[in-house]
């Protein structure tokens, strides 16, 4: 799941070196923390949050396939 988010994020941003993805276990589910450069946050979030919602949907499907729960946090 971490690799999926990292792949999508690096495809969207200009500064690929600033992309950091970390998995954190919280209360029986996994939270994927995505850190991107400040100027690239808008590209990851998208208009009205549509891109972020699409990433979360893909993450949800991928985690369900593995029998887990996962969420995404975008950190500046």
PDB file of N, CA and C in Angstrom:
ATOM      1  N   UNK A   1       0.826  -1.190   0.000  1.00  0.00           N
ATOM      2  CA  UNK A   1       0.000   0.000   0.000  1.00  0.00           C
ATOM      3  C   UNK A   1       0.873   1.258   0.000  1.00  0.00           C
ATOM      4  N   UNK A   2       1.938   1.196   0.760  1.00  0.00           N
ATOM      5  CA  UNK A   2       2.867   2.325   0.817  1.00  0.00           C
ATOM      6  C   UNK A   2       3.448   2.608  -0.558  1.00  0.00           C
ATOM      7  N   UNK A   3       3.794   1.554  -1.273  1.00  0.00           N
ATOM      8  CA  UNK A   3       4.388   1.703  -2.605  1.00  0.00           C
ATOM      9  C   UNK A   3       3.399   2.313  -3.594  1.00  0.00           C
ATOM     10  N   UNK A   4       2.120   1.950  -3.462  1.00  0.00           N
ATOM     11  CA  UNK A   4       1.084   2.494  -4.337  1.00  0.00           C
ATOM     12  C   UNK A   4       0.978   4.004  -4.168  1.00  0.00           C
ATOM     13  N   UNK A   5       0.904   4.464  -2.931  1.00  0.00           N
ATOM     14  CA  UNK A   5       0.793   5.902  -2.650  1.00  0.00           C
ATOM     15  C   UNK A   5       2.043   6.632  -3.118  1.00  0.00           C
ATOM     16  N   UNK A   6       3.199   6.040  -2.891  1.00  0.00           N
ATOM     17  CA  UNK A   6       4.450   6.663  -3.313  1.00  0.00           C
ATOM     18  C   UNK A   6       4.519   6.787  -4.835  1.00  0.00           C
ATOM     19  N   UNK A   7       4.092   5.759  -5.535  1.00  0.00           N
ATOM     20  CA  UNK A   7       4.093   5.773  -7.001  1.00  0.00           C
ATOM     21  C   UNK A   7       3.180   6.873  -7.541  1.00  0.00           C
ATOM     22  N   UNK A   8       1.978   6.967  -6.991  1.00  0.00           N
ATOM     23  CA  UNK A   8       1.018   7.976  -7.451  1.00  0.00           C
ATOM     24  C   UNK A   8       1.524   9.383  -7.137  1.00  0.00           C
ATOM     25  N   UNK A   9       2.031   9.578  -5.929  1.00  0.00           N
ATOM     26  CA  UNK A   9       2.497  10.900  -5.511  1.00  0.00           C
ATOM     27  C   UNK A   9       3.674  11.369  -6.356  1.00  0.00           C
ATOM     28  N   UNK A  10       4.632  10.491  -6.629  1.00  0.00           N
ATOM     29  CA  UNK A  10       5.789  10.903  -7.426  1.00  0.00           C
ATOM     30  C   UNK A  10       5.393  11.224  -8.860  1.00  0.00           C
ATOM     31  N   UNK A  11       4.330  10.617  -9.350  1.00  0.00           N
ATOM     32  CA  UNK A  11       3.855  10.932 -10.695  1.00  0.00           C
ATOM     33  C   UNK A  11       3.174  12.299 -10.754  1.00  0.00           C
ATOM     34  N   UNK A  12       2.648  12.755  -9.637  1.00  0.00           N
ATOM     35  CA  UNK A  12       1.900  14.015  -9.610  1.00  0.00           C
ATOM     36  C   UNK A  12       2.750  15.251  -9.337  1.00  0.00           C
ATOM     37  N   UNK A  13       3.788  15.112  -8.542  1.00  0.00           N
ATOM     38  CA  UNK A  13       4.536  16.283  -8.063  1.00  0.00           C
ATOM     39  C   UNK A  13       5.707  16.643  -8.967  1.00  0.00           C
ATOM     40  N   UNK A  14       6.211  17.875  -8.791  1.00  0.00           N
ATOM     41  CA  UNK A  14       7.405  18.325  -9.507  1.00  0.00           C
ATOM     42  C   UNK A  14       8.673  17.913  -8.771  1.00  0.00           C
ATOM     43  N   UNK A  15       8.676  18.066  -7.441  1.00  0.00           N
ATOM     44  CA  UNK A  15       9.854  17.745  -6.633  1.00  0.00           C
ATOM     45  C   UNK A  15       9.719  16.326  -6.079  1.00  0.00           C
ATOM     46  N   UNK A  16      10.158  15.342  -6.853  1.00  0.00           N
ATOM     47  CA  UNK A  16      10.007  13.942  -6.442  1.00  0.00           C
ATOM     48  C   UNK A  16      10.907  13.572  -5.276  1.00  0.00           C
ATOM     49  N   UNK A  17      11.969  14.325  -5.054  1.00  0.00           N
ATOM     50  CA  UNK A  17      12.871  14.040  -3.933  1.00  0.00           C
ATOM     51  C   UNK A  17      12.252  14.373  -2.585  1.00  0.00           C
ATOM     52  N   UNK A  18      11.238  15.219  -2.567  1.00  0.00           N
ATOM     53  CA  UNK A  18      10.601  15.628  -1.320  1.00  0.00           C
ATOM     54  C   UNK A  18       9.487  14.678  -0.884  1.00  0.00           C
ATOM     55  N   UNK A  19       9.141  13.711  -1.719  1.00  0.00           N
ATOM     56  CA  UNK A  19       8.056  12.787  -1.394  1.00  0.00           C
ATOM     57  C   UNK A  19       8.533  11.782  -0.348  1.00  0.00           C
ATOM     58  N   UNK A  20       7.814  11.725   0.759  1.00  0.00           N
ATOM     59  CA  UNK A  20       8.102  10.768   1.824  1.00  0.00           C
ATOM     60  C   UNK A  20       6.788  10.073   2.194  1.00  0.00           C
ATOM     61  N   UNK A  21       6.830   8.759   2.264  1.00  0.00           N
ATOM     62  CA  UNK A  21       5.646   7.984   2.619  1.00  0.00           C
ATOM     63  C   UNK A  21       6.009   7.086   3.788  1.00  0.00           C
ATOM     64  N   UNK A  22       5.145   7.084   4.805  1.00  0.00           N
ATOM     65  CA  UNK A  22       5.399   6.301   6.000  1.00  0.00           C
ATOM     66  C   UNK A  22       4.106   5.617   6.435  1.00  0.00           C
ATOM     67  N   UNK A  23       4.205   4.357   6.848  1.00  0.00           N
ATOM     68  CA  UNK A  23       3.061   3.625   7.377  1.00  0.00           C
ATOM     69  C   UNK A  23       3.082   3.683   8.900  1.00  0.00           C
ATOM     70  N   UNK A  24       1.937   4.025   9.486  1.00  0.00           N
ATOM     71  CA  UNK A  24       1.815   4.096  10.935  1.00  0.00           C
ATOM     72  C   UNK A  24       0.588   3.279  11.342  1.00  0.00           C
ATOM     73  N   UNK A  25       0.774   2.371  12.296  1.00  0.00           N
ATOM     74  CA  UNK A  25      -0.334   1.564  12.800  1.00  0.00           C
ATOM     75  C   UNK A  25      -1.070   2.346  13.893  1.00  0.00           C
ATOM     76  N   UNK A  26      -2.380   2.519  13.706  1.00  0.00           N
ATOM     77  CA  UNK A  26      -3.191   3.231  14.692  1.00  0.00           C
ATOM     78  C   UNK A  26      -4.496   2.478  14.908  1.00  0.00           C
ATOM     79  N   UNK A  27      -4.669   1.931  16.061  1.00  0.00           N
ATOM     80  CA  UNK A  27      -5.939   1.315  16.429  1.00  0.00           C
ATOM     81  C   UNK A  27      -6.423   0.231  15.492  1.00  0.00           C
ATOM     82  N   UNK A  28      -5.570  -0.656  15.058  1.00  0.00           N
ATOM     83  CA  UNK A  28      -5.985  -1.759  14.199  1.00  0.00           C
ATOM     84  C   UNK A  28      -6.038  -1.436  12.724  1.00  0.00           C
ATOM     85  N   UNK A  29      -5.774  -0.211  12.362  1.00  0.00           N
ATOM     86  CA  UNK A  29      -5.738   0.148  10.947  1.00  0.00           C
ATOM     87  C   UNK A  29      -4.412   0.842  10.638  1.00  0.00           C
ATOM     88  N   UNK A  30      -4.113   0.941   9.374  1.00  0.00           N
ATOM     89  CA  UNK A  30      -2.868   1.549   8.941  1.00  0.00           C
ATOM     90  C   UNK A  30      -3.148   2.943   8.394  1.00  0.00           C
ATOM     91  N   UNK A  31      -2.349   3.896   8.814  1.00  0.00           N
ATOM     92  CA  UNK A  31      -2.444   5.257   8.284  1.00  0.00           C
ATOM     93  C   UNK A  31      -1.192   5.502   7.454  1.00  0.00           C
ATOM     94  N   UNK A  32      -1.397   5.861   6.207  1.00  0.00           N
ATOM     95  CA  UNK A  32      -0.296   6.195   5.319  1.00  0.00           C
ATOM     96  C   UNK A  32      -0.103   7.702   5.388  1.00  0.00           C
ATOM     97  N   UNK A  33       1.068   8.133   5.845  1.00  0.00           N
ATOM     98  CA  UNK A  33       1.376   9.557   5.939  1.00  0.00           C
ATOM     99  C   UNK A  33       2.192   9.955   4.719  1.00  0.00           C
ATOM    100  N   UNK A  34       1.678  10.893   3.955  1.00  0.00           N
ATOM    101  CA  UNK A  34       2.326  11.365   2.738  1.00  0.00           C
ATOM    102  C   UNK A  34       2.824  12.785   2.961  1.00  0.00           C
ATOM    103  N   UNK A  35       4.126  12.973   2.784  1.00  0.00           N
ATOM    104  CA  UNK A  35       4.744  14.292   2.918  1.00  0.00           C
ATOM    105  C   UNK A  35       5.269  14.693   1.554  1.00  0.00           C
ATOM    106  N   UNK A  36       4.863  15.872   1.090  1.00  0.00           N
ATOM    107  CA  UNK A  36       5.346  16.414  -0.177  1.00  0.00           C
ATOM    108  C   UNK A  36       5.818  17.841   0.056  1.00  0.00           C
ATOM    109  N   UNK A  37       6.521  18.391  -0.928  1.00  0.00           N
ATOM    110  CA  UNK A  37       6.981  19.780  -0.830  1.00  0.00           C
ATOM    111  C   UNK A  37       5.769  20.709  -0.739  1.00  0.00           C
ATOM    112  N   UNK A  38       5.962  21.824  -0.062  1.00  0.00           N
ATOM    113  CA  UNK A  38       4.864  22.768   0.155  1.00  0.00           C
ATOM    114  C   UNK A  38       4.213  23.225  -1.155  1.00  0.00           C
ATOM    115  N   UNK A  39       5.024  23.434  -2.189  1.00  0.00           N
ATOM    116  CA  UNK A  39       4.465  23.900  -3.468  1.00  0.00           C
ATOM    117  C   UNK A  39       3.751  22.802  -4.240  1.00  0.00           C
ATOM    118  N   UNK A  40       3.892  21.545  -3.825  1.00  0.00           N
ATOM    119  CA  UNK A  40       3.249  20.425  -4.516  1.00  0.00           C
ATOM    120  C   UNK A  40       1.989  19.919  -3.815  1.00  0.00           C
ATOM    121  N   UNK A  41       1.649  20.469  -2.676  1.00  0.00           N
ATOM    122  CA  UNK A  41       0.481  20.003  -1.930  1.00  0.00           C
ATOM    123  C   UNK A  41      -0.787  20.161  -2.764  1.00  0.00           C
ATOM    124  N   UNK A  42      -0.925  21.265  -3.460  1.00  0.00           N
ATOM    125  CA  UNK A  42      -2.103  21.503  -4.292  1.00  0.00           C
ATOM    126  C   UNK A  42      -2.263  20.477  -5.394  1.00  0.00           C
ATOM    127  N   UNK A  43      -1.165  19.992  -5.928  1.00  0.00           N
ATOM    128  CA  UNK A  43      -1.229  18.980  -6.982  1.00  0.00           C
ATOM    129  C   UNK A  43      -1.697  17.643  -6.439  1.00  0.00           C
ATOM    130  N   UNK A  44      -1.311  17.333  -5.217  1.00  0.00           N
ATOM    131  CA  UNK A  44      -1.720  16.068  -4.615  1.00  0.00           C
ATOM    132  C   UNK A  44      -3.170  16.129  -4.141  1.00  0.00           C
ATOM    133  N   UNK A  45      -3.584  17.280  -3.638  1.00  0.00           N
ATOM    134  CA  UNK A  45      -4.956  17.429  -3.160  1.00  0.00           C
ATOM    135  C   UNK A  45      -5.922  17.580  -4.333  1.00  0.00           C
ATOM    136  N   UNK A  46      -5.562  18.383  -5.320  1.00  0.00           N
ATOM    137  CA  UNK A  46      -6.416  18.577  -6.489  1.00  0.00           C
ATOM    138  C   UNK A  46      -7.542  19.551  -6.228  1.00  0.00           C
ATOM    139  N   UNK A  47      -8.291  19.859  -7.280  1.00  0.00           N
ATOM    140  CA  UNK A  47      -9.423  20.778  -7.143  1.00  0.00           C
ATOM    141  C   UNK A  47     -10.498  20.147  -6.276  1.00  0.00           C
ATOM    142  N   UNK A  48     -10.883  20.888  -5.254  1.00  0.00           N
ATOM    143  CA  UNK A  48     -11.909  20.456  -4.309  1.00  0.00           C
ATOM    144  C   UNK A  48     -11.586  19.105  -3.687  1.00  0.00           C
ATOM    145  N   UNK A  49     -10.301  18.726  -3.634  1.00  0.00           N
ATOM    146  CA  UNK A  49      -9.892  17.486  -3.000  1.00  0.00           C
ATOM    147  C   UNK A  49     -10.139  16.234  -3.814  1.00  0.00           C
ATOM    148  N   UNK A  50     -10.406  16.397  -5.094  1.00  0.00           N
ATOM    149  CA  UNK A  50     -10.751  15.242  -5.934  1.00  0.00           C
ATOM    150  C   UNK A  50      -9.589  14.268  -6.099  1.00  0.00           C
ATOM    151  N   UNK A  51      -8.378  14.774  -6.279  1.00  0.00           N
ATOM    152  CA  UNK A  51      -7.225  13.892  -6.457  1.00  0.00           C
ATOM    153  C   UNK A  51      -6.952  13.122  -5.174  1.00  0.00           C
ATOM    154  N   UNK A  52      -7.004  13.804  -4.035  1.00  0.00           N
ATOM    155  CA  UNK A  52      -6.796  13.142  -2.750  1.00  0.00           C
ATOM    156  C   UNK A  52      -7.869  12.081  -2.512  1.00  0.00           C
ATOM    157  N   UNK A  53      -9.095  12.390  -2.880  1.00  0.00           N
ATOM    158  CA  UNK A  53     -10.189  11.423  -2.718  1.00  0.00           C
ATOM    159  C   UNK A  53      -9.959  10.198  -3.596  1.00  0.00           C
ATOM    160  N   UNK A  54      -9.471  10.405  -4.811  1.00  0.00           N
ATOM    161  CA  UNK A  54      -9.191   9.294  -5.707  1.00  0.00           C
ATOM    162  C   UNK A  54      -8.060   8.422  -5.154  1.00  0.00           C
ATOM    163  N   UNK A  55      -7.029   9.046  -4.603  1.00  0.00           N
ATOM    164  CA  UNK A  55      -5.932   8.285  -4.000  1.00  0.00           C
ATOM    165  C   UNK A  55      -6.453   7.482  -2.811  1.00  0.00           C
ATOM    166  N   UNK A  56      -7.301   8.098  -2.005  1.00  0.00           N
ATOM    167  CA  UNK A  56      -7.870   7.396  -0.849  1.00  0.00           C
ATOM    168  C   UNK A  56      -8.738   6.221  -1.281  1.00  0.00           C
ATOM    169  N   UNK A  57      -9.474   6.385  -2.372  1.00  0.00           N
ATOM    170  CA  UNK A  57     -10.299   5.301  -2.891  1.00  0.00           C
ATOM    171  C   UNK A  57      -9.435   4.133  -3.347  1.00  0.00           C
ATOM    172  N   UNK A  58      -8.382   4.417  -4.095  1.00  0.00           N
ATOM    173  CA  UNK A  58      -7.468   3.363  -4.529  1.00  0.00           C
ATOM    174  C   UNK A  58      -6.822   2.673  -3.333  1.00  0.00           C
ATOM    175  N   UNK A  59      -6.443   3.436  -2.332  1.00  0.00           N
ATOM    176  CA  UNK A  59      -5.842   2.884  -1.130  1.00  0.00           C
ATOM    177  C   UNK A  59      -6.830   1.997  -0.385  1.00  0.00           C
ATOM    178  N   UNK A  60      -8.064   2.420  -0.325  1.00  0.00           N
ATOM    179  CA  UNK A  60      -9.104   1.644   0.341  1.00  0.00           C
ATOM    180  C   UNK A  60      -9.330   0.302  -0.355  1.00  0.00           C
ATOM    181  N   UNK A  61      -9.383   0.330  -1.676  1.00  0.00           N
ATOM    182  CA  UNK A  61      -9.579  -0.904  -2.444  1.00  0.00           C
ATOM    183  C   UNK A  61      -8.395  -1.838  -2.260  1.00  0.00           C
ATOM    184  N   UNK A  62      -7.195  -1.284  -2.322  1.00  0.00           N
ATOM    185  CA  UNK A  62      -5.981  -2.086  -2.160  1.00  0.00           C
ATOM    186  C   UNK A  62      -5.901  -2.704  -0.769  1.00  0.00           C
ATOM    187  N   UNK A  63      -6.237  -1.939   0.246  1.00  0.00           N
ATOM    188  CA  UNK A  63      -6.169  -2.467   1.610  1.00  0.00           C
ATOM    189  C   UNK A  63      -7.251  -3.514   1.853  1.00  0.00           C
ATOM    190  N   UNK A  64      -8.432  -3.324   1.292  1.00  0.00           N
ATOM    191  CA  UNK A  64      -9.507  -4.308   1.443  1.00  0.00           C
ATOM    192  C   UNK A  64      -9.126  -5.628   0.777  1.00  0.00           C
ATOM    193  N   UNK A  65      -8.413  -5.536  -0.315  1.00  0.00           N
ATOM    194  CA  UNK A  65      -7.955  -6.736  -1.012  1.00  0.00           C
ATOM    195  C   UNK A  65      -7.019  -7.557  -0.130  1.00  0.00           C
ATOM    196  N   UNK A  66      -6.264  -6.880   0.737  1.00  0.00           N
ATOM    197  CA  UNK A  66      -5.345  -7.545   1.650  1.00  0.00           C
ATOM    198  C   UNK A  66      -5.980  -7.809   3.017  1.00  0.00           C
ATOM    199  N   UNK A  67      -7.269  -7.510   3.158  1.00  0.00           N
ATOM    200  CA  UNK A  67      -7.974  -7.752   4.414  1.00  0.00           C
ATOM    201  C   UNK A  67      -7.618  -6.783   5.515  1.00  0.00           C
ATOM    202  N   UNK A  68      -7.245  -5.571   5.166  1.00  0.00           N
ATOM    203  CA  UNK A  68      -6.853  -4.563   6.148  1.00  0.00           C
ATOM    204  C   UNK A  68      -7.645  -3.286   5.919  1.00  0.00           C
ATOM    205  N   UNK A  69      -7.462  -2.318   6.807  1.00  0.00           N
ATOM    206  CA  UNK A  69      -8.044  -0.986   6.657  1.00  0.00           C
ATOM    207  C   UNK A  69      -6.909   0.010   6.605  1.00  0.00           C
ATOM    208  N   UNK A  70      -7.035   0.992   5.734  1.00  0.00           N
ATOM    209  CA  UNK A  70      -5.976   1.995   5.606  1.00  0.00           C
ATOM    210  C   UNK A  70      -6.581   3.353   5.298  1.00  0.00           C
ATOM    211  N   UNK A  71      -5.899   4.381   5.748  1.00  0.00           N
ATOM    212  CA  UNK A  71      -6.300   5.750   5.476  1.00  0.00           C
ATOM    213  C   UNK A  71      -5.093   6.545   5.028  1.00  0.00           C
ATOM    214  N   UNK A  72      -5.338   7.739   4.511  1.00  0.00           N
ATOM    215  CA  UNK A  72      -4.275   8.584   3.998  1.00  0.00           C
ATOM    216  C   UNK A  72      -4.306   9.941   4.674  1.00  0.00           C
ATOM    217  N   UNK A  73      -3.137  10.396   5.138  1.00  0.00           N
ATOM    218  CA  UNK A  73      -2.978  11.746   5.667  1.00  0.00           C
ATOM    219  C   UNK A  73      -1.929  12.453   4.826  1.00  0.00           C
ATOM    220  N   UNK A  74      -2.272  13.615   4.324  1.00  0.00           N
ATOM    221  CA  UNK A  74      -1.334  14.416   3.535  1.00  0.00           C
ATOM    222  C   UNK A  74      -0.779  15.492   4.466  1.00  0.00           C
ATOM    223  N   UNK A  75       0.538  15.475   4.636  1.00  0.00           N
ATOM    224  CA  UNK A  75       1.203  16.382   5.568  1.00  0.00           C
ATOM    225  C   UNK A  75       2.074  17.361   4.786  1.00  0.00           C
ATOM    226  N   UNK A  76       1.962  18.640   5.124  1.00  0.00           N
ATOM    227  CA  UNK A  76       2.809  19.654   4.457  1.00  0.00           C
ATOM    228  C   UNK A  76       4.195  19.642   5.037  1.00  0.00           C
TER     229      UNK A  76
END
